[in-house]
Amino acid sequence: MNKLLSLIAFGVALSFGTAHAEDKVKTPQQGKMAMCNKEATDKKGDERKAFMKTCLGAKKDTQQSKMKACNTEASGKKGDERKKFMSECLKKA
């Protein structure tokens, strides 16, 4: 009987440890919030609010928007020259 209780207690302890570890995984929004907070350490009041609003609302360029911009810049190029240009353009941050 004692062994059974020990095993149950051990199982419960393991389940709490796993749940606690899963709680620490940040969502993309939490990661963005942490990054914006770090960048806003020198700002206060309305300036900080405005910065946070802008920072949290900013969206990264999507692959589709990069492709569109690079295609526009590549007009007039053909063949290998175009392929090389597109490859380099799409790698840019």
PDB file of N, CA and C in Angstrom:
ATOM      1  N   MET A   1       0.820  -1.193   0.000  1.00  0.00           N
ATOM      2  CA  MET A   1       0.000   0.000   0.000  1.00  0.00           C
ATOM      3  C   MET A   1       0.864   1.257   0.000  1.00  0.00           C
ATOM      4  N   ASN A   2       1.934   1.256   0.797  1.00  0.00           N
ATOM      5  CA  ASN A   2       2.825   2.412   0.848  1.00  0.00           C
ATOM      6  C   ASN A   2       3.503   2.655  -0.496  1.00  0.00           C
ATOM      7  N   LYS A   3       3.860   1.550  -1.174  1.00  0.00           N
ATOM      8  CA  LYS A   3       4.488   1.689  -2.490  1.00  0.00           C
ATOM      9  C   LYS A   3       3.521   2.320  -3.485  1.00  0.00           C
ATOM     10  N   LEU A   4       2.256   1.931  -3.405  1.00  0.00           N
ATOM     11  CA  LEU A   4       1.252   2.487  -4.300  1.00  0.00           C
ATOM     12  C   LEU A   4       1.086   3.991  -4.064  1.00  0.00           C
ATOM     13  N   LEU A   5       1.016   4.387  -2.814  1.00  0.00           N
ATOM     14  CA  LEU A   5       0.902   5.815  -2.477  1.00  0.00           C
ATOM     15  C   LEU A   5       2.142   6.583  -2.930  1.00  0.00           C
ATOM     16  N   SER A   6       3.295   5.963  -2.777  1.00  0.00           N
ATOM     17  CA  SER A   6       4.541   6.603  -3.222  1.00  0.00           C
ATOM     18  C   SER A   6       4.542   6.815  -4.731  1.00  0.00           C
ATOM     19  N   LEU A   7       4.096   5.803  -5.462  1.00  0.00           N
ATOM     20  CA  LEU A   7       4.041   5.922  -6.922  1.00  0.00           C
ATOM     21  C   LEU A   7       3.045   6.992  -7.355  1.00  0.00           C
ATOM     22  N   ILE A   8       1.906   7.056  -6.685  1.00  0.00           N
ATOM     23  CA  ILE A   8       0.906   8.082  -7.010  1.00  0.00           C
ATOM     24  C   ILE A   8       1.471   9.469  -6.723  1.00  0.00           C
ATOM     25  N   ALA A   9       2.110   9.626  -5.562  1.00  0.00           N
ATOM     26  CA  ALA A   9       2.697  10.916  -5.196  1.00  0.00           C
ATOM     27  C   ALA A   9       3.781  11.315  -6.197  1.00  0.00           C
ATOM     28  N   PHE A  10       4.599  10.338  -6.620  1.00  0.00           N
ATOM     29  CA  PHE A  10       5.650  10.606  -7.592  1.00  0.00           C
ATOM     30  C   PHE A  10       5.057  11.034  -8.935  1.00  0.00           C
ATOM     31  N   GLY A  11       4.000  10.354  -9.358  1.00  0.00           N
ATOM     32  CA  GLY A  11       3.329  10.704 -10.618  1.00  0.00           C
ATOM     33  C   GLY A  11       2.737  12.095 -10.577  1.00  0.00           C
ATOM     34  N   VAL A  12       2.125  12.445  -9.460  1.00  0.00           N
ATOM     35  CA  VAL A  12       1.549  13.785  -9.303  1.00  0.00           C
ATOM     36  C   VAL A  12       2.653  14.836  -9.341  1.00  0.00           C
ATOM     37  N   ALA A  13       3.752  14.568  -8.656  1.00  0.00           N
ATOM     38  CA  ALA A  13       4.874  15.514  -8.639  1.00  0.00           C
ATOM     39  C   ALA A  13       5.433  15.720 -10.045  1.00  0.00           C
ATOM     40  N   LEU A  14       5.562  14.637 -10.806  1.00  0.00           N
ATOM     41  CA  LEU A  14       6.052  14.755 -12.183  1.00  0.00           C
ATOM     42  C   LEU A  14       5.094  15.564 -13.056  1.00  0.00           C
ATOM     43  N   SER A  15       3.807  15.349 -12.870  1.00  0.00           N
ATOM     44  CA  SER A  15       2.841  16.076 -13.698  1.00  0.00           C
ATOM     45  C   SER A  15       2.877  17.574 -13.393  1.00  0.00           C
ATOM     46  N   PHE A  16       3.082  17.932 -12.130  1.00  0.00           N
ATOM     47  CA  PHE A  16       3.192  19.356 -11.795  1.00  0.00           C
ATOM     48  C   PHE A  16       4.457  19.955 -12.394  1.00  0.00           C
ATOM     49  N   GLY A  17       5.537  19.206 -12.387  1.00  0.00           N
ATOM     50  CA  GLY A  17       6.792  19.698 -12.962  1.00  0.00           C
ATOM     51  C   GLY A  17       6.663  19.915 -14.457  1.00  0.00           C
ATOM     52  N   THR A  18       5.966  19.030 -15.160  1.00  0.00           N
ATOM     53  CA  THR A  18       5.767  19.165 -16.596  1.00  0.00           C
ATOM     54  C   THR A  18       4.872  20.351 -16.909  1.00  0.00           C
ATOM     55  N   ALA A  19       3.807  20.498 -16.167  1.00  0.00           N
ATOM     56  CA  ALA A  19       2.890  21.622 -16.403  1.00  0.00           C
ATOM     57  C   ALA A  19       3.608  22.935 -16.164  1.00  0.00           C
ATOM     58  N   HIS A  20       4.444  22.970 -15.132  1.00  0.00           N
ATOM     59  CA  HIS A  20       5.175  24.208 -14.819  1.00  0.00           C
ATOM     60  C   HIS A  20       6.148  24.553 -15.940  1.00  0.00           C
ATOM     61  N   ALA A  21       6.814  23.543 -16.503  1.00  0.00           N
ATOM     62  CA  ALA A  21       7.760  23.786 -17.590  1.00  0.00           C
ATOM     63  C   ALA A  21       7.039  24.309 -18.826  1.00  0.00           C
ATOM     64  N   GLU A  22       5.826  23.805 -19.099  1.00  0.00           N
ATOM     65  CA  GLU A  22       5.073  24.257 -20.265  1.00  0.00           C
ATOM     66  C   GLU A  22       4.615  25.704 -20.102  1.00  0.00           C
ATOM     67  N   ASP A  23       4.367  26.133 -18.865  1.00  0.00           N
ATOM     68  CA  ASP A  23       3.931  27.507 -18.611  1.00  0.00           C
ATOM     69  C   ASP A  23       5.005  28.516 -18.997  1.00  0.00           C
ATOM     70  N   LYS A  24       6.264  28.108 -18.993  1.00  0.00           N
ATOM     71  CA  LYS A  24       7.357  29.038 -19.260  1.00  0.00           C
ATOM     72  C   LYS A  24       7.581  29.306 -20.741  1.00  0.00           C
ATOM     73  N   VAL A  25       6.952  28.548 -21.625  1.00  0.00           N
ATOM     74  CA  VAL A  25       7.092  28.751 -23.061  1.00  0.00           C
ATOM     75  C   VAL A  25       6.362  30.048 -23.432  1.00  0.00           C
ATOM     76  N   LYS A  26       7.087  30.953 -24.081  1.00  0.00           N
ATOM     77  CA  LYS A  26       6.500  32.244 -24.446  1.00  0.00           C
ATOM     78  C   LYS A  26       5.801  32.161 -25.792  1.00  0.00           C
ATOM     79  N   THR A  27       4.695  32.863 -25.887  1.00  0.00           N
ATOM     80  CA  THR A  27       4.018  32.989 -27.168  1.00  0.00           C
ATOM     81  C   THR A  27       4.761  34.037 -27.977  1.00  0.00           C
ATOM     82  N   PRO A  28       4.545  34.100 -29.288  1.00  0.00           N
ATOM     83  CA  PRO A  28       5.206  35.137 -30.087  1.00  0.00           C
ATOM     84  C   PRO A  28       4.876  36.546 -29.580  1.00  0.00           C
ATOM     85  N   GLN A  29       3.636  36.758 -29.142  1.00  0.00           N
ATOM     86  CA  GLN A  29       3.249  38.077 -28.641  1.00  0.00           C
ATOM     87  C   GLN A  29       4.008  38.403 -27.356  1.00  0.00           C
ATOM     88  N   GLN A  30       4.210  37.416 -26.478  1.00  0.00           N
ATOM     89  CA  GLN A  30       4.960  37.646 -25.247  1.00  0.00           C
ATOM     90  C   GLN A  30       6.421  37.960 -25.560  1.00  0.00           C
ATOM     91  N   GLY A  31       6.967  37.290 -26.553  1.00  0.00           N
ATOM     92  CA  GLY A  31       8.344  37.570 -26.962  1.00  0.00           C
ATOM     93  C   GLY A  31       8.481  38.978 -27.512  1.00  0.00           C
ATOM     94  N   LYS A  32       7.485  39.391 -28.309  1.00  0.00           N
ATOM     95  CA  LYS A  32       7.484  40.740 -28.870  1.00  0.00           C
ATOM     96  C   LYS A  32       7.374  41.780 -27.758  1.00  0.00           C
ATOM     97  N   MET A  33       6.510  41.507 -26.765  1.00  0.00           N
ATOM     98  CA  MET A  33       6.337  42.413 -25.644  1.00  0.00           C
ATOM     99  C   MET A  33       7.651  42.557 -24.866  1.00  0.00           C
ATOM    100  N   ALA A  34       8.331  41.450 -24.628  1.00  0.00           N
ATOM    101  CA  ALA A  34       9.603  41.486 -23.910  1.00  0.00           C
ATOM    102  C   ALA A  34      10.639  42.313 -24.676  1.00  0.00           C
ATOM    103  N   MET A  35      10.705  42.116 -25.994  1.00  0.00           N
ATOM    104  CA  MET A  35      11.659  42.868 -26.805  1.00  0.00           C
ATOM    105  C   MET A  35      11.346  44.369 -26.771  1.00  0.00           C
ATOM    106  N   CYS A  36      10.068  44.720 -26.916  1.00  0.00           N
ATOM    107  CA  CYS A  36       9.672  46.133 -26.903  1.00  0.00           C
ATOM    108  C   CYS A  36       9.940  46.758 -25.545  1.00  0.00           C
ATOM    109  N   ASN A  37       9.661  46.020 -24.469  1.00  0.00           N
ATOM    110  CA  ASN A  37       9.932  46.526 -23.120  1.00  0.00           C
ATOM    111  C   ASN A  37      11.413  46.801 -22.929  1.00  0.00           C
ATOM    112  N   LYS A  38      12.237  45.912 -23.447  1.00  0.00           N
ATOM    113  CA  LYS A  38      13.691  46.075 -23.324  1.00  0.00           C
ATOM    114  C   LYS A  38      14.158  47.343 -24.055  1.00  0.00           C
ATOM    115  N   GLU A  39      13.585  47.589 -25.223  1.00  0.00           N
ATOM    116  CA  GLU A  39      13.964  48.766 -26.008  1.00  0.00           C
ATOM    117  C   GLU A  39      13.423  50.064 -25.413  1.00  0.00           C
ATOM    118  N   ALA A  40      12.375  49.970 -24.587  1.00  0.00           N
ATOM    119  CA  ALA A  40      11.717  51.167 -24.053  1.00  0.00           C
ATOM    120  C   ALA A  40      12.186  51.538 -22.647  1.00  0.00           C
ATOM    121  N   THR A  41      13.283  50.972 -22.184  1.00  0.00           N
ATOM    122  CA  THR A  41      13.713  51.204 -20.804  1.00  0.00           C
ATOM    123  C   THR A  41      14.026  52.668 -20.509  1.00  0.00           C
ATOM    124  N   ASP A  42      14.444  53.440 -21.493  1.00  0.00           N
ATOM    125  CA  ASP A  42      14.806  54.839 -21.253  1.00  0.00           C
ATOM    126  C   ASP A  42      13.628  55.801 -21.460  1.00  0.00           C
ATOM    127  N   LYS A  43      12.452  55.275 -21.800  1.00  0.00           N
ATOM    128  CA  LYS A  43      11.292  56.126 -22.085  1.00  0.00           C
ATOM    129  C   LYS A  43      10.316  56.101 -20.909  1.00  0.00           C
ATOM    130  N   LYS A  44       9.578  57.196 -20.726  1.00  0.00           N
ATOM    131  CA  LYS A  44       8.616  57.294 -19.627  1.00  0.00           C
ATOM    132  C   LYS A  44       7.326  57.944 -20.108  1.00  0.00           C
ATOM    133  N   GLY A  45       6.233  57.664 -19.409  1.00  0.00           N
ATOM    134  CA  GLY A  45       4.963  58.328 -19.645  1.00  0.00           C
ATOM    135  C   GLY A  45       4.410  58.154 -21.042  1.00  0.00           C
ATOM    136  N   ASP A  46       3.944  59.278 -21.600  1.00  0.00           N
ATOM    137  CA  ASP A  46       3.322  59.251 -22.928  1.00  0.00           C
ATOM    138  C   ASP A  46       4.286  58.805 -24.018  1.00  0.00           C
ATOM    139  N   GLU A  47       5.554  59.170 -23.869  1.00  0.00           N
ATOM    140  CA  GLU A  47       6.557  58.758 -24.861  1.00  0.00           C
ATOM    141  C   GLU A  47       6.661  57.226 -24.887  1.00  0.00           C
ATOM    142  N   ARG A  48       6.660  56.606 -23.697  1.00  0.00           N
ATOM    143  CA  ARG A  48       6.741  55.143 -23.607  1.00  0.00           C
ATOM    144  C   ARG A  48       5.481  54.495 -24.200  1.00  0.00           C
ATOM    145  N   LYS A  49       4.317  55.049 -23.875  1.00  0.00           N
ATOM    146  CA  LYS A  49       3.059  54.500 -24.398  1.00  0.00           C
ATOM    147  C   LYS A  49       3.050  54.533 -25.924  1.00  0.00           C
ATOM    148  N   ALA A  50       3.470  55.661 -26.491  1.00  0.00           N
ATOM    149  CA  ALA A  50       3.493  55.807 -27.945  1.00  0.00           C
ATOM    150  C   ALA A  50       4.484  54.815 -28.569  1.00  0.00           C
ATOM    151  N   PHE A  51       5.658  54.692 -27.940  1.00  0.00           N
ATOM    152  CA  PHE A  51       6.671  53.770 -28.452  1.00  0.00           C
ATOM    153  C   PHE A  51       6.154  52.333 -28.417  1.00  0.00           C
ATOM    154  N   MET A  52       5.552  51.930 -27.291  1.00  0.00           N
ATOM    155  CA  MET A  52       5.055  50.564 -27.145  1.00  0.00           C
ATOM    156  C   MET A  52       3.957  50.265 -28.162  1.00  0.00           C
ATOM    157  N   LYS A  53       3.087  51.231 -28.397  1.00  0.00           N
ATOM    158  CA  LYS A  53       2.011  51.038 -29.370  1.00  0.00           C
ATOM    159  C   LYS A  53       2.592  50.792 -30.762  1.00  0.00           C
ATOM    160  N   THR A  54       3.571  51.606 -31.125  1.00  0.00           N
ATOM    161  CA  THR A  54       4.210  51.461 -32.432  1.00  0.00           C
ATOM    162  C   THR A  54       4.981  50.146 -32.521  1.00  0.00           C
ATOM    163  N   CYS A  55       5.743  49.855 -31.477  1.00  0.00           N
ATOM    164  CA  CYS A  55       6.578  48.650 -31.466  1.00  0.00           C
ATOM    165  C   CYS A  55       5.723  47.385 -31.535  1.00  0.00           C
ATOM    166  N   LEU A  56       4.680  47.310 -30.731  1.00  0.00           N
ATOM    167  CA  LEU A  56       3.845  46.113 -30.708  1.00  0.00           C
ATOM    168  C   LEU A  56       2.997  45.977 -31.963  1.00  0.00           C
ATOM    169  N   GLY A  57       2.718  47.095 -32.631  1.00  0.00           N
ATOM    170  CA  GLY A  57       1.906  47.058 -33.843  1.00  0.00           C
ATOM    171  C   GLY A  57       2.706  46.787 -35.096  1.00  0.00           C
ATOM    172  N   ALA A  58       4.032  46.889 -35.004  1.00  0.00           N
ATOM    173  CA  ALA A  58       4.880  46.690 -36.177  1.00  0.00           C
ATOM    174  C   ALA A  58       4.847  45.231 -36.606  1.00  0.00           C
ATOM    175  N   LYS A  59       4.797  45.023 -37.898  1.00  0.00           N
ATOM    176  CA  LYS A  59       4.800  43.667 -38.443  1.00  0.00           C
ATOM    177  C   LYS A  59       6.042  43.485 -39.297  1.00  0.00           C
ATOM    178  N   LYS A  60       6.620  42.302 -39.197  1.00  0.00           N
ATOM    179  CA  LYS A  60       7.779  41.984 -40.019  1.00  0.00           C
ATOM    180  C   LYS A  60       7.346  41.831 -41.465  1.00  0.00           C
ATOM    181  N   ASP A  61       8.279  42.087 -42.376  1.00  0.00           N
ATOM    182  CA  ASP A  61       7.984  41.872 -43.793  1.00  0.00           C
ATOM    183  C   ASP A  61       7.680  40.401 -44.024  1.00  0.00           C
ATOM    184  N   THR A  62       6.626  40.157 -44.727  1.00  0.00           N
ATOM    185  CA  THR A  62       6.304  38.782 -45.086  1.00  0.00           C
ATOM    186  C   THR A  62       7.093  38.421 -46.333  1.00  0.00           C
ATOM    187  N   GLN A  63       7.216  37.144 -46.585  1.00  0.00           N
ATOM    188  CA  GLN A  63       7.929  36.686 -47.775  1.00  0.00           C
ATOM    189  C   GLN A  63       7.254  37.229 -49.030  1.00  0.00           C
ATOM    190  N   GLN A  64       5.931  37.309 -49.001  1.00  0.00           N
ATOM    191  CA  GLN A  64       5.188  37.801 -50.160  1.00  0.00           C
ATOM    192  C   GLN A  64       5.506  39.267 -50.437  1.00  0.00           C
ATOM    193  N   SER A  65       5.584  40.090 -49.386  1.00  0.00           N
ATOM    194  CA  SER A  65       5.883  41.508 -49.613  1.00  0.00           C
ATOM    195  C   SER A  65       7.323  41.689 -50.079  1.00  0.00           C
ATOM    196  N   LYS A  66       8.239  40.848 -49.574  1.00  0.00           N
ATOM    197  CA  LYS A  66       9.629  40.909 -50.044  1.00  0.00           C
ATOM    198  C   LYS A  66       9.695  40.557 -51.527  1.00  0.00           C
ATOM    199  N   MET A  67       8.974  39.503 -51.905  1.00  0.00           N
ATOM    200  CA  MET A  67       8.979  39.055 -53.296  1.00  0.00           C
ATOM    201  C   MET A  67       8.464  40.150 -54.222  1.00  0.00           C
ATOM    202  N   LYS A  68       7.403  40.817 -53.797  1.00  0.00           N
ATOM    203  CA  LYS A  68       6.823  41.892 -54.599  1.00  0.00           C
ATOM    204  C   LYS A  68       7.824  43.036 -54.788  1.00  0.00           C
ATOM    205  N   ALA A  69       8.471  43.438 -53.700  1.00  0.00           N
ATOM    206  CA  ALA A  69       9.443  44.537 -53.777  1.00  0.00           C
ATOM    207  C   ALA A  69      10.633  44.150 -54.649  1.00  0.00           C
ATOM    208  N   CYS A  70      11.132  42.934 -54.483  1.00  0.00           N
ATOM    209  CA  CYS A  70      12.277  42.486 -55.280  1.00  0.00           C
ATOM    210  C   CYS A  70      11.918  42.367 -56.753  1.00  0.00           C
ATOM    211  N   ASN A  71      10.707  41.886 -57.061  1.00  0.00           N
ATOM    212  CA  ASN A  71      10.273  41.800 -58.453  1.00  0.00           C
ATOM    213  C   ASN A  71      10.241  43.171 -59.105  1.00  0.00           C
ATOM    214  N   THR A  72       9.775  44.166 -58.357  1.00  0.00           N
ATOM    215  CA  THR A  72       9.729  45.526 -58.886  1.00  0.00           C
ATOM    216  C   THR A  72      11.132  46.026 -59.206  1.00  0.00           C
ATOM    217  N   GLU A  73      12.058  45.776 -58.284  1.00  0.00           N
ATOM    218  CA  GLU A  73      13.447  46.220 -58.484  1.00  0.00           C
ATOM    219  C   GLU A  73      14.144  45.451 -59.609  1.00  0.00           C
ATOM    220  N   ALA A  74      13.696  44.223 -59.863  1.00  0.00           N
ATOM    221  CA  ALA A  74      14.359  43.382 -60.856  1.00  0.00           C
ATOM    222  C   ALA A  74      13.852  43.593 -62.270  1.00  0.00           C
ATOM    223  N   SER A  75      12.934  44.522 -62.453  1.00  0.00           N
ATOM    224  CA  SER A  75      12.416  44.730 -63.809  1.00  0.00           C
ATOM    225  C   SER A  75      13.553  45.121 -64.743  1.00  0.00           C
ATOM    226  N   GLY A  76      13.563  44.515 -65.916  1.00  0.00           N
ATOM    227  CA  GLY A  76      14.623  44.783 -66.882  1.00  0.00           C
ATOM    228  C   GLY A  76      15.740  43.757 -66.845  1.00  0.00           C
ATOM    229  N   LYS A  77      15.844  42.997 -65.759  1.00  0.00           N
ATOM    230  CA  LYS A  77      16.882  41.968 -65.659  1.00  0.00           C
ATOM    231  C   LYS A  77      16.302  40.649 -66.182  1.00  0.00           C
ATOM    232  N   LYS A  78      17.170  39.816 -66.790  1.00  0.00           N
ATOM    233  CA  LYS A  78      16.714  38.543 -67.347  1.00  0.00           C
ATOM    234  C   LYS A  78      17.725  37.451 -67.056  1.00  0.00           C
ATOM    235  N   GLY A  79      17.247  36.219 -67.103  1.00  0.00           N
ATOM    236  CA  GLY A  79      18.119  35.053 -66.983  1.00  0.00           C
ATOM    237  C   GLY A  79      18.859  34.956 -65.659  1.00  0.00           C
ATOM    238  N   ASP A  80      20.156  34.609 -65.781  1.00  0.00           N
ATOM    239  CA  ASP A  80      20.986  34.410 -64.601  1.00  0.00           C
ATOM    240  C   ASP A  80      21.145  35.690 -63.793  1.00  0.00           C
ATOM    241  N   GLU A  81      21.189  36.831 -64.471  1.00  0.00           N
ATOM    242  CA  GLU A  81      21.322  38.112 -63.769  1.00  0.00           C
ATOM    243  C   GLU A  81      20.116  38.323 -62.846  1.00  0.00           C
ATOM    244  N   ARG A  82      18.917  38.018 -63.362  1.00  0.00           N
ATOM    245  CA  ARG A  82      17.696  38.169 -62.559  1.00  0.00           C
ATOM    246  C   ARG A  82      17.677  37.181 -61.391  1.00  0.00           C
ATOM    247  N   LYS A  83      18.043  35.922 -61.655  1.00  0.00           N
ATOM    248  CA  LYS A  83      18.070  34.913 -60.601  1.00  0.00           C
ATOM    249  C   LYS A  83      19.006  35.325 -59.468  1.00  0.00           C
ATOM    250  N   LYS A  84      20.199  35.789 -59.834  1.00  0.00           N
ATOM    251  CA  LYS A  84      21.187  36.199 -58.832  1.00  0.00           C
ATOM    252  C   LYS A  84      20.657  37.387 -58.033  1.00  0.00           C
ATOM    253  N   PHE A  85      20.095  38.372 -58.731  1.00  0.00           N
ATOM    254  CA  PHE A  85      19.557  39.549 -58.049  1.00  0.00           C
ATOM    255  C   PHE A  85      18.437  39.157 -57.092  1.00  0.00           C
ATOM    256  N   MET A  86      17.491  38.325 -57.549  1.00  0.00           N
ATOM    257  CA  MET A  86      16.370  37.918 -56.707  1.00  0.00           C
ATOM    258  C   MET A  86      16.846  37.159 -55.473  1.00  0.00           C
ATOM    259  N   SER A  87      17.805  36.289 -55.653  1.00  0.00           N
ATOM    260  CA  SER A  87      18.339  35.528 -54.531  1.00  0.00           C
ATOM    261  C   SER A  87      18.931  36.453 -53.471  1.00  0.00           C
ATOM    262  N   GLU A  88      19.743  37.402 -53.887  1.00  0.00           N
ATOM    263  CA  GLU A  88      20.375  38.338 -52.959  1.00  0.00           C
ATOM    264  C   GLU A  88      19.334  39.269 -52.331  1.00  0.00           C
ATOM    265  N   CYS A  89      18.387  39.713 -53.125  1.00  0.00           N
ATOM    266  CA  CYS A  89      17.360  40.624 -52.625  1.00  0.00           C
ATOM    267  C   CYS A  89      16.498  39.953 -51.553  1.00  0.00           C
ATOM    268  N   LEU A  90      16.101  38.700 -51.767  1.00  0.00           N
ATOM    269  CA  LEU A  90      15.229  38.010 -50.825  1.00  0.00           C
ATOM    270  C   LEU A  90      15.954  37.622 -49.524  1.00  0.00           C
ATOM    271  N   LYS A  91      17.278  37.567 -49.572  1.00  0.00           N
ATOM    272  CA  LYS A  91      18.049  37.234 -48.363  1.00  0.00           C
ATOM    273  C   LYS A  91      18.202  38.442 -47.447  1.00  0.00           C
ATOM    274  N   LYS A  92      18.026  39.640 -47.985  1.00  0.00           N
ATOM    275  CA  LYS A  92      18.194  40.838 -47.176  1.00  0.00           C
ATOM    276  C   LYS A  92      17.144  40.885 -46.067  1.00  0.00           C
ATOM    277  N   ALA A  93      17.541  41.463 -44.936  1.00  0.00           N
ATOM    278  CA  ALA A  93      16.607  41.540 -43.790  1.00  0.00           C
ATOM    279  C   ALA A  93      15.502  42.522 -44.010  1.00  0.00           C
TER     280      ALA A  93
END
